[in-house]
Amino acid sequence: MHDVISIMKNWVSQVIVKYNFCPFARKEVENNSIFYHVSHATKHEDAVMDMLDECTALNQHPERETTLLIFDKGFADFDSFLDLVDLANALLVAQGFEGTYQIANFHPDYAFADSDENDAANYTNRAPFPTLHLIREQSMAEVLAQYEDAEQIPENNIRLARRKGEAFWQHLLEKCHQK
């Protein structure tokens, strides 16, 4: 489990922060306020229960700004993972967490709808493991209000990803698995 967390911490620092995919991540890394939780769930029902547990844990631990819920054994199939994302979002609403938390998602085989799977832009959402990122909506609203041209973040990331190319990002993902 520790290796999974180390790999994800490498990814956050060597990809997300270093290439500024999320301009808000550096502060959370420096503040050590990202919580990493490894779930061994392989079934959708178990995975969403873990997600709900992590929402409750965020409520109980205000020092945690965000949680990366990492699936080390399940959801290697991207379509199955997308089903998980849909179920997780539905349960977020059903359990009263809508407006408090939102979910971003990452997967080793992430591909945007209607994009070619080899498009380097997909690497903006590719991670070493299938991951649900639980984000505090209030905090996100606050940082977005202070960030100039926040709506340009995804487009800037896509441009950077395509400029660097698929081989570059694939190499970075592979390096995250090394110590």
N, C-alpha and C. Protein backbone atom coordinates (compact mmCIF):
# COMPACT_ATOMS: atom_id res chain seq x y z
N MET A 1 0.83 -1.19 0.00
CA MET A 1 0.00 0.00 0.00
C MET A 1 0.87 1.25 0.00
N HIS A 2 1.96 1.22 0.76
CA HIS A 2 2.85 2.37 0.80
C HIS A 2 3.42 2.69 -0.58
N ASP A 3 3.75 1.62 -1.33
CA ASP A 3 4.28 1.85 -2.68
C ASP A 3 3.26 2.56 -3.56
N VAL A 4 1.99 2.20 -3.44
CA VAL A 4 0.93 2.85 -4.23
C VAL A 4 0.89 4.33 -3.90
N ILE A 5 0.94 4.65 -2.62
CA ILE A 5 0.91 6.06 -2.21
C ILE A 5 2.16 6.78 -2.70
N SER A 6 3.32 6.16 -2.61
CA SER A 6 4.56 6.78 -3.11
C SER A 6 4.47 7.06 -4.61
N ILE A 7 3.93 6.11 -5.33
CA ILE A 7 3.77 6.28 -6.79
C ILE A 7 2.85 7.46 -7.07
N MET A 8 1.75 7.54 -6.35
CA MET A 8 0.81 8.65 -6.58
C MET A 8 1.39 9.98 -6.14
N LYS A 9 2.16 10.00 -5.07
CA LYS A 9 2.82 11.24 -4.66
C LYS A 9 3.82 11.67 -5.73
N ASN A 10 4.54 10.71 -6.30
CA ASN A 10 5.45 11.03 -7.41
C ASN A 10 4.68 11.65 -8.57
N TRP A 11 3.53 11.06 -8.91
CA TRP A 11 2.71 11.57 -10.00
C TRP A 11 2.24 13.00 -9.71
N VAL A 12 1.75 13.23 -8.50
CA VAL A 12 1.28 14.57 -8.16
C VAL A 12 2.42 15.58 -8.29
N SER A 13 3.59 15.25 -7.76
CA SER A 13 4.68 16.22 -7.81
C SER A 13 5.36 16.31 -9.17
N GLN A 14 5.56 15.17 -9.84
CA GLN A 14 6.32 15.16 -11.09
C GLN A 14 5.48 15.44 -12.34
N VAL A 15 4.18 15.36 -12.22
CA VAL A 15 3.31 15.64 -13.37
C VAL A 15 2.37 16.80 -13.05
N ILE A 16 1.53 16.63 -12.07
CA ILE A 16 0.49 17.63 -11.79
C ILE A 16 1.09 18.97 -11.36
N VAL A 17 2.00 18.94 -10.40
CA VAL A 17 2.60 20.19 -9.93
C VAL A 17 3.66 20.70 -10.89
N LYS A 18 4.57 19.84 -11.30
CA LYS A 18 5.68 20.28 -12.14
C LYS A 18 5.20 20.91 -13.45
N TYR A 19 4.16 20.35 -14.05
CA TYR A 19 3.65 20.87 -15.32
C TYR A 19 2.39 21.70 -15.14
N ASN A 20 2.08 22.02 -13.88
CA ASN A 20 1.03 22.97 -13.54
C ASN A 20 -0.34 22.58 -14.10
N PHE A 21 -0.60 21.27 -14.19
CA PHE A 21 -1.92 20.83 -14.65
C PHE A 21 -3.01 21.33 -13.70
N CYS A 22 -2.70 21.40 -12.43
CA CYS A 22 -3.61 21.99 -11.45
C CYS A 22 -2.82 23.08 -10.73
N PRO A 23 -3.11 24.34 -11.03
CA PRO A 23 -2.35 25.43 -10.42
C PRO A 23 -2.52 25.53 -8.90
N PHE A 24 -3.45 24.78 -8.35
CA PHE A 24 -3.72 24.85 -6.92
C PHE A 24 -3.05 23.73 -6.14
N ALA A 25 -2.50 22.76 -6.84
CA ALA A 25 -1.95 21.57 -6.18
C ALA A 25 -0.67 21.85 -5.40
N ARG A 26 0.17 22.74 -5.92
CA ARG A 26 1.46 23.00 -5.25
C ARG A 26 1.26 23.39 -3.78
N LYS A 27 0.33 24.28 -3.54
CA LYS A 27 0.07 24.73 -2.16
C LYS A 27 -0.33 23.56 -1.27
N GLU A 28 -1.17 22.68 -1.79
CA GLU A 28 -1.64 21.55 -0.99
C GLU A 28 -0.52 20.54 -0.75
N VAL A 29 0.37 20.36 -1.73
CA VAL A 29 1.53 19.49 -1.54
C VAL A 29 2.43 20.09 -0.46
N GLU A 30 2.71 21.38 -0.58
CA GLU A 30 3.58 22.04 0.41
C GLU A 30 2.97 22.03 1.80
N ASN A 31 1.65 22.14 1.89
CA ASN A 31 0.96 22.13 3.18
C ASN A 31 0.69 20.71 3.69
N ASN A 32 1.05 19.71 2.89
CA ASN A 32 0.81 18.31 3.23
C ASN A 32 -0.67 18.08 3.58
N SER A 33 -1.55 18.68 2.77
CA SER A 33 -2.99 18.59 3.05
C SER A 33 -3.74 17.71 2.06
N ILE A 34 -3.00 16.93 1.28
CA ILE A 34 -3.61 15.94 0.39
C ILE A 34 -3.58 14.60 1.12
N PHE A 35 -4.74 13.98 1.25
CA PHE A 35 -4.81 12.67 1.88
C PHE A 35 -4.89 11.61 0.79
N TYR A 36 -4.07 10.59 0.91
CA TYR A 36 -4.03 9.49 -0.05
C TYR A 36 -4.61 8.25 0.63
N HIS A 37 -5.65 7.70 0.04
CA HIS A 37 -6.26 6.49 0.59
C HIS A 37 -6.30 5.43 -0.50
N VAL A 38 -5.75 4.27 -0.19
CA VAL A 38 -5.75 3.15 -1.14
C VAL A 38 -6.94 2.25 -0.82
N SER A 39 -7.75 2.01 -1.82
CA SER A 39 -8.88 1.09 -1.71
C SER A 39 -8.55 -0.17 -2.50
N HIS A 40 -8.84 -1.30 -1.90
CA HIS A 40 -8.65 -2.58 -2.58
C HIS A 40 -9.93 -3.05 -3.24
N ALA A 41 -10.94 -2.18 -3.28
CA ALA A 41 -12.24 -2.55 -3.85
C ALA A 41 -12.10 -2.95 -5.32
N THR A 42 -12.85 -3.97 -5.67
CA THR A 42 -12.90 -4.40 -7.07
C THR A 42 -14.33 -4.37 -7.61
N LYS A 43 -15.28 -4.13 -6.72
CA LYS A 43 -16.69 -4.05 -7.11
C LYS A 43 -17.16 -2.61 -6.92
N HIS A 44 -18.04 -2.19 -7.81
CA HIS A 44 -18.54 -0.81 -7.77
C HIS A 44 -19.14 -0.47 -6.41
N GLU A 45 -19.93 -1.38 -5.86
CA GLU A 45 -20.61 -1.12 -4.59
C GLU A 45 -19.61 -0.87 -3.46
N ASP A 46 -18.56 -1.66 -3.40
CA ASP A 46 -17.54 -1.48 -2.37
C ASP A 46 -16.77 -0.18 -2.59
N ALA A 47 -16.49 0.12 -3.83
CA ALA A 47 -15.72 1.33 -4.15
C ALA A 47 -16.48 2.59 -3.76
N VAL A 48 -17.78 2.64 -4.04
CA VAL A 48 -18.53 3.85 -3.68
C VAL A 48 -18.72 3.95 -2.16
N MET A 49 -18.76 2.83 -1.48
CA MET A 49 -18.81 2.89 -0.01
C MET A 49 -17.51 3.48 0.53
N ASP A 50 -16.39 3.09 -0.07
CA ASP A 50 -15.10 3.70 0.32
C ASP A 50 -15.11 5.20 0.03
N MET A 51 -15.69 5.59 -1.11
CA MET A 51 -15.77 7.01 -1.45
C MET A 51 -16.61 7.77 -0.42
N LEU A 52 -17.74 7.20 -0.03
CA LEU A 52 -18.59 7.86 0.97
C LEU A 52 -17.87 7.94 2.32
N ASP A 53 -17.13 6.89 2.68
CA ASP A 53 -16.34 6.92 3.91
C ASP A 53 -15.31 8.06 3.87
N GLU A 54 -14.70 8.26 2.71
CA GLU A 54 -13.70 9.33 2.58
C GLU A 54 -14.34 10.71 2.62
N CYS A 55 -15.56 10.85 2.14
CA CYS A 55 -16.29 12.12 2.28
C CYS A 55 -16.54 12.40 3.75
N THR A 56 -16.97 11.39 4.48
CA THR A 56 -17.18 11.54 5.92
C THR A 56 -15.88 11.90 6.62
N ALA A 57 -14.79 11.25 6.22
CA ALA A 57 -13.48 11.54 6.82
C ALA A 57 -13.06 12.98 6.53
N LEU A 58 -13.35 13.47 5.34
CA LEU A 58 -13.04 14.88 5.04
C LEU A 58 -13.84 15.81 5.96
N ASN A 59 -15.09 15.45 6.21
CA ASN A 59 -15.89 16.25 7.15
C ASN A 59 -15.26 16.27 8.54
N GLN A 60 -14.68 15.16 8.94
CA GLN A 60 -14.11 15.02 10.28
C GLN A 60 -12.69 15.56 10.40
N HIS A 61 -12.03 15.79 9.26
CA HIS A 61 -10.63 16.23 9.27
C HIS A 61 -10.47 17.48 8.40
N PRO A 62 -10.77 18.64 8.95
CA PRO A 62 -10.68 19.87 8.15
C PRO A 62 -9.26 20.18 7.68
N GLU A 63 -8.26 19.57 8.30
CA GLU A 63 -6.88 19.79 7.86
C GLU A 63 -6.59 19.11 6.52
N ARG A 64 -7.43 18.17 6.14
CA ARG A 64 -7.31 17.53 4.83
C ARG A 64 -8.04 18.40 3.82
N GLU A 65 -7.32 18.91 2.88
CA GLU A 65 -7.95 19.75 1.87
C GLU A 65 -8.65 18.91 0.80
N THR A 66 -8.04 17.78 0.49
CA THR A 66 -8.54 16.96 -0.61
C THR A 66 -8.09 15.52 -0.38
N THR A 67 -8.79 14.59 -1.02
CA THR A 67 -8.43 13.17 -0.89
C THR A 67 -8.32 12.55 -2.27
N LEU A 68 -7.27 11.78 -2.46
CA LEU A 68 -7.13 10.93 -3.64
C LEU A 68 -7.46 9.51 -3.20
N LEU A 69 -8.58 9.00 -3.70
CA LEU A 69 -9.02 7.64 -3.43
C LEU A 69 -8.52 6.77 -4.58
N ILE A 70 -7.53 5.94 -4.29
CA ILE A 70 -6.77 5.22 -5.30
C ILE A 70 -7.18 3.75 -5.29
N PHE A 71 -7.50 3.23 -6.45
CA PHE A 71 -7.89 1.82 -6.57
C PHE A 71 -6.71 1.04 -7.14
N ASP A 72 -6.07 0.27 -6.29
CA ASP A 72 -4.86 -0.43 -6.70
C ASP A 72 -5.14 -1.78 -7.35
N LYS A 73 -6.35 -2.32 -7.16
CA LYS A 73 -6.66 -3.65 -7.69
C LYS A 73 -7.82 -3.63 -8.68
N GLY A 74 -8.73 -2.71 -8.52
CA GLY A 74 -9.94 -2.71 -9.33
C GLY A 74 -9.98 -1.62 -10.38
N PHE A 75 -10.88 -1.79 -11.33
CA PHE A 75 -11.25 -0.78 -12.30
C PHE A 75 -10.16 -0.45 -13.32
N ALA A 76 -9.35 -1.47 -13.65
CA ALA A 76 -8.35 -1.30 -14.70
C ALA A 76 -9.02 -1.05 -16.05
N ASP A 77 -10.21 -1.61 -16.22
CA ASP A 77 -10.98 -1.38 -17.45
C ASP A 77 -11.59 0.02 -17.38
N PHE A 78 -11.26 0.85 -18.36
CA PHE A 78 -11.69 2.25 -18.33
C PHE A 78 -13.21 2.39 -18.35
N ASP A 79 -13.90 1.58 -19.13
CA ASP A 79 -15.36 1.67 -19.17
C ASP A 79 -15.98 1.32 -17.82
N SER A 80 -15.44 0.33 -17.15
CA SER A 80 -15.91 -0.02 -15.82
C SER A 80 -15.65 1.13 -14.85
N PHE A 81 -14.50 1.76 -15.00
CA PHE A 81 -14.17 2.91 -14.16
C PHE A 81 -15.16 4.06 -14.39
N LEU A 82 -15.51 4.30 -15.65
CA LEU A 82 -16.48 5.36 -15.94
C LEU A 82 -17.84 5.05 -15.30
N ASP A 83 -18.21 3.77 -15.27
CA ASP A 83 -19.43 3.38 -14.55
C ASP A 83 -19.31 3.72 -13.07
N LEU A 84 -18.12 3.49 -12.51
CA LEU A 84 -17.87 3.84 -11.11
C LEU A 84 -18.02 5.34 -10.90
N VAL A 85 -17.46 6.13 -11.79
CA VAL A 85 -17.55 7.59 -11.67
C VAL A 85 -19.01 8.04 -11.68
N ASP A 86 -19.81 7.48 -12.59
CA ASP A 86 -21.23 7.83 -12.64
C ASP A 86 -21.94 7.46 -11.34
N LEU A 87 -21.68 6.26 -10.83
CA LEU A 87 -22.29 5.82 -9.59
C LEU A 87 -21.83 6.69 -8.41
N ALA A 88 -20.55 7.00 -8.38
CA ALA A 88 -20.01 7.84 -7.30
C ALA A 88 -20.66 9.22 -7.30
N ASN A 89 -20.81 9.81 -8.48
CA ASN A 89 -21.46 11.12 -8.55
C ASN A 89 -22.92 11.05 -8.12
N ALA A 90 -23.60 10.00 -8.50
CA ALA A 90 -25.01 9.84 -8.10
C ALA A 90 -25.12 9.68 -6.58
N LEU A 91 -24.23 8.90 -5.99
CA LEU A 91 -24.28 8.71 -4.54
C LEU A 91 -23.83 9.96 -3.78
N LEU A 92 -22.96 10.73 -4.36
CA LEU A 92 -22.56 12.00 -3.75
C LEU A 92 -23.80 12.87 -3.54
N VAL A 93 -24.66 12.90 -4.55
CA VAL A 93 -25.91 13.65 -4.47
C VAL A 93 -26.87 12.99 -3.48
N ALA A 94 -27.07 11.69 -3.63
CA ALA A 94 -28.04 10.96 -2.80
C ALA A 94 -27.69 11.02 -1.31
N GLN A 95 -26.42 11.07 -0.99
CA GLN A 95 -25.99 11.08 0.41
C GLN A 95 -25.79 12.48 0.98
N GLY A 96 -26.17 13.50 0.21
CA GLY A 96 -26.14 14.87 0.72
C GLY A 96 -24.78 15.55 0.66
N PHE A 97 -23.85 15.01 -0.12
CA PHE A 97 -22.54 15.63 -0.23
C PHE A 97 -22.44 16.59 -1.42
N GLU A 98 -23.48 16.67 -2.24
CA GLU A 98 -23.47 17.60 -3.37
C GLU A 98 -23.37 19.02 -2.82
N GLY A 99 -22.53 19.82 -3.44
CA GLY A 99 -22.33 21.18 -2.97
C GLY A 99 -21.22 21.27 -1.92
N THR A 100 -20.86 20.14 -1.35
CA THR A 100 -19.76 20.10 -0.39
C THR A 100 -18.50 19.55 -1.06
N TYR A 101 -18.68 18.46 -1.81
CA TYR A 101 -17.56 17.83 -2.51
C TYR A 101 -17.91 17.63 -3.98
N GLN A 102 -16.88 17.63 -4.79
CA GLN A 102 -17.03 17.24 -6.18
C GLN A 102 -15.94 16.21 -6.48
N ILE A 103 -16.15 15.47 -7.55
CA ILE A 103 -15.23 14.39 -7.90
C ILE A 103 -14.56 14.70 -9.23
N ALA A 104 -13.24 14.66 -9.22
CA ALA A 104 -12.47 14.62 -10.46
C ALA A 104 -11.98 13.18 -10.57
N ASN A 105 -11.66 12.75 -11.78
CA ASN A 105 -11.25 11.36 -11.93
C ASN A 105 -10.06 11.21 -12.86
N PHE A 106 -9.26 10.20 -12.55
CA PHE A 106 -8.03 9.93 -13.30
C PHE A 106 -7.92 8.43 -13.50
N HIS A 107 -7.32 8.05 -14.61
CA HIS A 107 -7.19 6.62 -14.94
C HIS A 107 -6.00 6.44 -15.86
N PRO A 108 -5.30 5.31 -15.77
CA PRO A 108 -4.15 5.07 -16.66
C PRO A 108 -4.51 5.08 -18.14
N ASP A 109 -5.75 4.74 -18.48
CA ASP A 109 -6.18 4.70 -19.88
C ASP A 109 -7.19 5.80 -20.21
N TYR A 110 -7.17 6.87 -19.43
CA TYR A 110 -8.17 7.93 -19.62
C TYR A 110 -8.19 8.40 -21.07
N ALA A 111 -9.38 8.55 -21.59
CA ALA A 111 -9.57 9.11 -22.94
C ALA A 111 -10.82 9.97 -22.90
N PHE A 112 -10.68 11.21 -23.31
CA PHE A 112 -11.83 12.09 -23.39
C PHE A 112 -12.81 11.56 -24.43
N ALA A 113 -14.08 11.79 -24.19
CA ALA A 113 -15.11 11.38 -25.15
C ALA A 113 -14.80 11.98 -26.51
N ASP A 114 -14.98 11.21 -27.54
CA ASP A 114 -14.76 11.65 -28.92
C ASP A 114 -13.31 12.01 -29.23
N SER A 115 -12.37 11.54 -28.41
CA SER A 115 -10.96 11.79 -28.74
C SER A 115 -10.30 10.46 -29.11
N ASP A 116 -9.22 10.57 -29.83
CA ASP A 116 -8.42 9.41 -30.16
C ASP A 116 -7.69 8.98 -28.88
N GLU A 117 -7.63 7.68 -28.62
CA GLU A 117 -6.98 7.22 -27.39
C GLU A 117 -5.49 7.59 -27.34
N ASN A 118 -4.89 7.88 -28.48
CA ASN A 118 -3.48 8.26 -28.51
C ASN A 118 -3.26 9.76 -28.45
N ASP A 119 -4.32 10.53 -28.31
CA ASP A 119 -4.21 11.99 -28.20
C ASP A 119 -3.48 12.31 -26.90
N ALA A 120 -2.40 13.05 -26.98
CA ALA A 120 -1.62 13.41 -25.79
C ALA A 120 -2.46 14.19 -24.78
N ALA A 121 -3.53 14.84 -25.22
CA ALA A 121 -4.40 15.59 -24.31
C ALA A 121 -4.99 14.70 -23.23
N ASN A 122 -5.15 13.41 -23.51
CA ASN A 122 -5.70 12.49 -22.52
C ASN A 122 -4.82 12.39 -21.28
N TYR A 123 -3.54 12.71 -21.41
CA TYR A 123 -2.62 12.62 -20.28
C TYR A 123 -2.90 13.66 -19.22
N THR A 124 -3.73 14.64 -19.50
CA THR A 124 -4.11 15.58 -18.45
C THR A 124 -4.95 14.88 -17.38
N ASN A 125 -5.52 13.72 -17.71
CA ASN A 125 -6.32 12.96 -16.76
C ASN A 125 -5.83 11.53 -16.59
N ARG A 126 -4.62 11.26 -17.03
CA ARG A 126 -4.06 9.92 -16.83
C ARG A 126 -3.20 9.91 -15.57
N ALA A 127 -3.35 8.84 -14.81
CA ALA A 127 -2.61 8.66 -13.56
C ALA A 127 -2.15 7.21 -13.48
N PRO A 128 -1.23 6.92 -12.58
CA PRO A 128 -0.75 5.54 -12.46
C PRO A 128 -1.82 4.53 -12.08
N PHE A 129 -2.87 4.96 -11.37
CA PHE A 129 -3.94 4.07 -10.92
C PHE A 129 -5.28 4.75 -11.12
N PRO A 130 -6.36 3.97 -11.25
CA PRO A 130 -7.69 4.57 -11.26
C PRO A 130 -7.89 5.33 -9.94
N THR A 131 -8.35 6.57 -10.04
CA THR A 131 -8.41 7.43 -8.86
C THR A 131 -9.63 8.35 -8.91
N LEU A 132 -10.30 8.44 -7.78
CA LEU A 132 -11.34 9.46 -7.58
C LEU A 132 -10.74 10.54 -6.69
N HIS A 133 -10.79 11.76 -7.16
CA HIS A 133 -10.24 12.90 -6.43
C HIS A 133 -11.41 13.66 -5.80
N LEU A 134 -11.48 13.63 -4.49
CA LEU A 134 -12.54 14.33 -3.76
C LEU A 134 -12.07 15.73 -3.42
N ILE A 135 -12.81 16.71 -3.90
CA ILE A 135 -12.41 18.12 -3.80
C ILE A 135 -13.45 18.88 -3.00
N ARG A 136 -13.01 19.69 -2.07
CA ARG A 136 -13.92 20.57 -1.32
C ARG A 136 -14.38 21.69 -2.24
N GLU A 137 -15.68 21.76 -2.48
CA GLU A 137 -16.21 22.77 -3.41
C GLU A 137 -15.96 24.19 -2.93
N GLN A 138 -16.12 24.45 -1.64
CA GLN A 138 -15.91 25.80 -1.11
C GLN A 138 -14.47 26.27 -1.36
N SER A 139 -13.52 25.39 -1.10
CA SER A 139 -12.11 25.74 -1.32
C SER A 139 -11.84 26.00 -2.80
N MET A 140 -12.43 25.15 -3.65
CA MET A 140 -12.24 25.33 -5.09
C MET A 140 -12.82 26.66 -5.54
N ALA A 141 -13.99 27.00 -5.06
CA ALA A 141 -14.61 28.27 -5.42
C ALA A 141 -13.74 29.45 -5.00
N GLU A 142 -13.15 29.35 -3.82
CA GLU A 142 -12.29 30.43 -3.32
C GLU A 142 -11.05 30.61 -4.18
N VAL A 143 -10.38 29.52 -4.53
CA VAL A 143 -9.15 29.67 -5.32
C VAL A 143 -9.48 30.09 -6.76
N LEU A 144 -10.58 29.59 -7.29
CA LEU A 144 -10.96 29.98 -8.66
C LEU A 144 -11.29 31.47 -8.74
N ALA A 145 -11.87 32.01 -7.68
CA ALA A 145 -12.22 33.43 -7.65
C ALA A 145 -10.97 34.31 -7.68
N GLN A 146 -9.85 33.78 -7.21
CA GLN A 146 -8.60 34.54 -7.17
C GLN A 146 -7.70 34.28 -8.37
N TYR A 147 -8.06 33.32 -9.19
CA TYR A 147 -7.20 32.89 -10.30
C TYR A 147 -7.67 33.54 -11.59
N GLU A 148 -6.79 34.28 -12.21
CA GLU A 148 -7.13 34.94 -13.47
C GLU A 148 -7.26 33.90 -14.59
N ASP A 149 -8.32 33.99 -15.36
CA ASP A 149 -8.56 33.11 -16.50
C ASP A 149 -8.64 31.63 -16.11
N ALA A 150 -9.32 31.33 -15.02
CA ALA A 150 -9.44 29.94 -14.57
C ALA A 150 -10.07 29.05 -15.62
N GLU A 151 -10.96 29.60 -16.42
CA GLU A 151 -11.62 28.79 -17.45
C GLU A 151 -10.65 28.34 -18.54
N GLN A 152 -9.48 28.94 -18.59
CA GLN A 152 -8.47 28.57 -19.58
C GLN A 152 -7.57 27.40 -19.13
N ILE A 153 -7.67 27.01 -17.88
CA ILE A 153 -6.80 25.95 -17.35
C ILE A 153 -6.88 24.68 -18.20
N PRO A 154 -8.08 24.14 -18.47
CA PRO A 154 -8.12 22.90 -19.27
C PRO A 154 -7.52 23.08 -20.67
N GLU A 155 -7.82 24.18 -21.32
CA GLU A 155 -7.27 24.41 -22.67
C GLU A 155 -5.75 24.56 -22.64
N ASN A 156 -5.24 25.26 -21.64
CA ASN A 156 -3.78 25.40 -21.49
C ASN A 156 -3.14 24.03 -21.28
N ASN A 157 -3.77 23.19 -20.46
CA ASN A 157 -3.24 21.85 -20.20
C ASN A 157 -3.23 21.00 -21.47
N ILE A 158 -4.29 21.09 -22.25
CA ILE A 158 -4.37 20.33 -23.49
C ILE A 158 -3.29 20.78 -24.47
N ARG A 159 -3.11 22.08 -24.58
CA ARG A 159 -2.05 22.60 -25.48
C ARG A 159 -0.68 22.10 -25.05
N LEU A 160 -0.40 22.18 -23.75
CA LEU A 160 0.90 21.70 -23.25
C LEU A 160 1.06 20.21 -23.51
N ALA A 161 0.03 19.44 -23.21
CA ALA A 161 0.11 17.98 -23.40
C ALA A 161 0.40 17.65 -24.86
N ARG A 162 -0.29 18.30 -25.76
CA ARG A 162 -0.08 18.01 -27.18
C ARG A 162 1.29 18.50 -27.65
N ARG A 163 1.75 19.60 -27.12
CA ARG A 163 3.07 20.11 -27.52
C ARG A 163 4.18 19.15 -27.09
N LYS A 164 4.05 18.58 -25.89
CA LYS A 164 5.07 17.65 -25.39
C LYS A 164 4.95 16.27 -26.05
N GLY A 165 3.73 15.86 -26.38
CA GLY A 165 3.53 14.61 -27.10
C GLY A 165 3.29 13.40 -26.19
N GLU A 166 2.67 12.40 -26.78
CA GLU A 166 2.28 11.20 -26.05
C GLU A 166 3.47 10.48 -25.42
N ALA A 167 4.56 10.31 -26.15
CA ALA A 167 5.72 9.56 -25.63
C ALA A 167 6.29 10.23 -24.37
N PHE A 168 6.31 11.55 -24.36
CA PHE A 168 6.81 12.30 -23.20
C PHE A 168 6.00 11.96 -21.95
N TRP A 169 4.67 12.04 -22.06
CA TRP A 169 3.80 11.81 -20.91
C TRP A 169 3.82 10.34 -20.48
N GLN A 170 3.86 9.45 -21.45
CA GLN A 170 3.92 8.03 -21.12
C GLN A 170 5.19 7.73 -20.33
N HIS A 171 6.30 8.33 -20.74
CA HIS A 171 7.55 8.16 -20.02
C HIS A 171 7.44 8.69 -18.58
N LEU A 172 6.81 9.85 -18.41
CA LEU A 172 6.63 10.41 -17.07
C LEU A 172 5.80 9.49 -16.18
N LEU A 173 4.71 8.94 -16.75
CA LEU A 173 3.88 8.02 -15.97
C LEU A 173 4.68 6.79 -15.54
N GLU A 174 5.48 6.28 -16.44
CA GLU A 174 6.31 5.12 -16.10
C GLU A 174 7.33 5.46 -15.03
N LYS A 175 7.90 6.66 -15.07
CA LYS A 175 8.88 7.09 -14.08
C LYS A 175 8.27 7.20 -12.68
N CYS A 176 6.97 7.47 -12.61
CA CYS A 176 6.32 7.58 -11.29
C CYS A 176 6.39 6.27 -10.53
N HIS A 177 6.50 5.16 -11.23
CA HIS A 177 6.58 3.85 -10.59
C HIS A 177 7.97 3.54 -10.07
N GLN A 178 8.94 4.38 -10.40
CA GLN A 178 10.31 4.15 -9.94
C GLN A 178 10.57 4.95 -8.67
N LYS A 179 11.42 4.41 -7.84
CA LYS A 179 11.74 5.10 -6.58
C LYS A 179 12.88 6.06 -6.77
